[in-house]
Structure formats: structure tokens, C-alpha cells
Amino acid sequence: KILVENGNFQNNNHTALSPPTDSSLNYADELLRTLRATMWDHVGVVRTTVGLETALDELDEIRREADTLYEQSPSRQTAGVRDAATAGQAVAQDAFANTTSAGAHYRVMDTGDHVSTSNIEDDDDEEILLADGSR
């Protein structure tokens, strides 16, 4: 647990930690923007296998960078981006593992450079509900 006393960051063993630098906060903001874009672009309502694989690769890199940033400059902002990256990675992993389309989220097939919107079935022979409501 990190405490703030008299403007100084301290951990549980009361060793003073440096306040975050502007550059570390800027980098945390940059990582968070990249994380949000990755989640929006590849782990949104409409998902593809290739998109989820891309997201998993990008999120792994973001998480590793966020972990390092937090270790070098612990603050609420760097902890926040570290935690958001971990959560995003967990969501993407679960989305990748779940090939069933249900509720608002659905999986569509990748066909080269575009996503197919024709009637398709997944590898488990379960029907996939398409954006237009067809099966």
C-alpha cells in the first residue's frame, strides 16, 4: 500500500518513494490511450479471431510496459494503467477462448482483409448471430 504524506509517496516499510515525474505521467496517459484503442478496435462488440490475436499481442506489450513504468515511478496513474492493462488482457483472453456468440457480443469469421457477414458457423457447429440478426 502506498501512502502520501506531506506530498511524498511512501510504501508500507516507510521508505520514501519519488513523486511521479511529468514524463512518467505522460507515458502512463499514452499507454492508457493505446490500451483503450486496442480494446475498442479488437475486443469490442464484434470480434474476430485475428483481431483478438492482435489485441492479445498488443495488450501483453502494454502490460509489460505498464508494469515496468509502475516499478520505476509508482503513482496512482501508473498503478491505474498497470491494473487496466491486466484487466484488458483478462477480458481479451476470455473473449478469445469463448467462440460462442451470445448477447450483445458476437464473433465473426475473418476472410482475408475483411470480415465476412454471410451466414457462417463456428468450429463447434454453433450458429453465429450476425449484425443484421440473421443466423
Protein backbone atom coordinates (compact mmCIF):
# COMPACT_ATOMS: atom_id res chain seq x y z
CA LYS A 1 0.00 0.00 0.00
CA ILE A 2 1.33 3.42 -0.93
CA LEU A 3 0.66 6.35 1.35
CA VAL A 4 1.01 10.05 0.59
CA GLU A 5 2.28 12.14 3.49
CA ASN A 6 3.41 15.74 3.10
CA GLY A 7 3.49 15.34 -0.66
CA ASN A 8 5.88 12.36 -0.54
CA PHE A 9 4.97 8.84 -1.63
CA GLN A 10 5.76 6.10 0.88
CA ASN A 11 5.29 2.35 0.88
CA ASN A 12 4.45 0.09 3.84
CA ASN A 13 8.02 -0.11 5.12
CA HIS A 14 8.09 3.73 5.17
CA THR A 15 10.80 4.07 2.55
CA ALA A 16 10.22 7.33 0.71
CA LEU A 17 9.40 6.97 -2.98
CA SER A 18 9.89 9.73 -5.51
CA PRO A 19 6.83 11.59 -6.72
CA PRO A 20 5.96 10.67 -10.31
CA THR A 21 7.65 12.73 -13.00
CA ASP A 22 5.78 14.52 -15.74
CA SER A 23 7.33 12.14 -18.26
CA SER A 24 6.10 9.06 -16.37
CA LEU A 25 2.59 10.52 -16.14
CA ASN A 26 2.63 11.41 -19.84
CA TYR A 27 3.76 7.90 -20.70
CA ALA A 28 1.05 6.41 -18.46
CA ASP A 29 -1.53 8.51 -20.34
CA GLU A 30 -0.09 7.35 -23.67
CA LEU A 31 -0.24 3.70 -22.62
CA LEU A 32 -3.84 4.12 -21.43
CA ARG A 33 -4.86 5.71 -24.77
CA THR A 34 -3.21 2.82 -26.63
CA LEU A 35 -4.94 0.31 -24.34
CA ARG A 36 -8.35 1.90 -24.93
CA ALA A 37 -7.82 1.97 -28.69
CA THR A 38 -6.77 -1.69 -28.71
CA MET A 39 -9.80 -2.74 -26.70
CA TRP A 40 -12.15 -0.68 -28.90
CA ASP A 41 -10.65 -1.85 -32.18
CA HIS A 42 -10.22 -5.55 -31.41
CA VAL A 43 -12.20 -6.60 -28.32
CA GLY A 44 -15.45 -4.70 -28.90
CA VAL A 45 -18.91 -5.99 -29.62
CA VAL A 46 -17.94 -7.52 -32.99
CA ARG A 47 -14.88 -9.71 -32.61
CA THR A 48 -12.72 -11.70 -34.99
CA THR A 49 -10.10 -14.31 -34.24
CA VAL A 50 -7.38 -12.28 -35.95
CA GLY A 51 -8.45 -9.11 -34.12
CA LEU A 52 -8.38 -10.87 -30.76
CA GLU A 53 -4.94 -12.33 -31.51
CA THR A 54 -3.71 -8.83 -32.39
CA ALA A 55 -5.22 -7.47 -29.17
CA LEU A 56 -3.58 -10.18 -27.07
CA ASP A 57 -0.16 -9.35 -28.54
CA GLU A 58 -0.63 -5.60 -28.07
CA LEU A 59 -2.06 -5.96 -24.57
CA ASP A 60 0.82 -8.17 -23.48
CA GLU A 61 3.28 -5.48 -24.57
CA ILE A 62 1.22 -2.71 -22.92
CA ARG A 63 1.02 -4.68 -19.66
CA ARG A 64 4.77 -5.32 -19.59
CA GLU A 65 5.49 -1.64 -20.24
CA ALA A 66 2.94 -0.58 -17.61
CA ASP A 67 4.48 -2.97 -15.05
CA THR A 68 7.93 -1.51 -15.71
CA LEU A 69 6.62 2.05 -15.55
CA TYR A 70 4.94 1.38 -12.21
CA GLU A 71 8.13 -0.19 -10.81
CA GLN A 72 10.15 2.85 -11.90
CA SER A 73 7.62 5.50 -10.88
CA PRO A 74 4.85 4.27 -8.57
CA SER A 75 1.82 6.55 -8.54
CA ARG A 76 -1.95 6.32 -8.81
CA GLN A 77 -1.72 6.96 -12.54
CA THR A 78 0.94 4.32 -13.21
CA ALA A 79 -0.86 1.82 -10.97
CA GLY A 80 -4.10 2.60 -12.81
CA VAL A 81 -2.68 1.89 -16.24
CA ARG A 82 -0.97 -1.26 -14.92
CA ASP A 83 -4.28 -2.51 -13.49
CA ALA A 84 -6.25 -1.52 -16.61
CA ALA A 85 -3.77 -3.41 -18.81
CA THR A 86 -4.11 -6.51 -16.63
CA ALA A 87 -7.92 -6.30 -16.77
CA GLY A 88 -7.92 -5.68 -20.52
CA GLN A 89 -5.67 -8.67 -21.05
CA ALA A 90 -8.02 -10.87 -18.99
CA VAL A 91 -11.07 -9.70 -20.98
CA ALA A 92 -9.29 -10.33 -24.30
CA GLN A 93 -8.15 -13.80 -23.18
CA ASP A 94 -11.68 -14.75 -22.17
CA ALA A 95 -13.12 -13.33 -25.41
CA PHE A 96 -10.57 -15.33 -27.42
CA ALA A 97 -11.44 -18.54 -25.55
CA ASN A 98 -15.19 -18.01 -25.96
CA THR A 99 -16.18 -18.75 -29.55
CA THR A 100 -19.91 -18.65 -28.78
CA SER A 101 -21.81 -15.60 -29.91
CA ALA A 102 -24.36 -14.59 -27.30
CA GLY A 103 -25.98 -11.45 -26.01
CA ALA A 104 -24.58 -8.25 -27.45
CA HIS A 105 -21.16 -9.72 -28.34
CA TYR A 106 -20.61 -11.89 -31.36
CA ARG A 107 -17.76 -13.47 -33.22
CA VAL A 108 -17.47 -13.25 -36.99
CA MET A 109 -15.10 -15.04 -39.35
CA ASP A 110 -12.06 -13.34 -40.86
CA THR A 111 -11.83 -13.72 -44.62
CA GLY A 112 -8.59 -12.13 -45.70
CA ASP A 113 -8.74 -8.36 -45.49
CA HIS A 114 -12.37 -8.08 -44.41
CA VAL A 115 -14.89 -9.63 -42.07
CA SER A 116 -17.50 -11.91 -43.57
CA THR A 117 -21.11 -11.06 -42.84
CA SER A 118 -22.55 -14.07 -44.62
CA ASN A 119 -24.24 -16.89 -42.77
CA ILE A 120 -21.42 -18.78 -41.04
CA GLU A 121 -20.95 -21.32 -38.31
CA ASP A 122 -18.05 -21.60 -35.90
CA ASP A 123 -15.83 -24.64 -35.38
CA ASP A 124 -18.19 -26.06 -32.75
CA ASP A 125 -21.12 -26.06 -35.20
CA GLU A 126 -22.88 -23.46 -33.08
CA GLU A 127 -24.66 -20.80 -35.07
CA ILE A 128 -23.32 -17.27 -35.01
CA LEU A 129 -25.82 -14.43 -34.93
CA LEU A 130 -24.81 -11.75 -37.44
CA ALA A 131 -25.17 -7.98 -37.09
CA ASP A 132 -28.28 -7.95 -39.29
CA GLY A 133 -29.94 -10.51 -36.99
CA SER A 134 -29.60 -13.40 -39.44
CA ARG A 135 -28.11 -16.72 -38.45
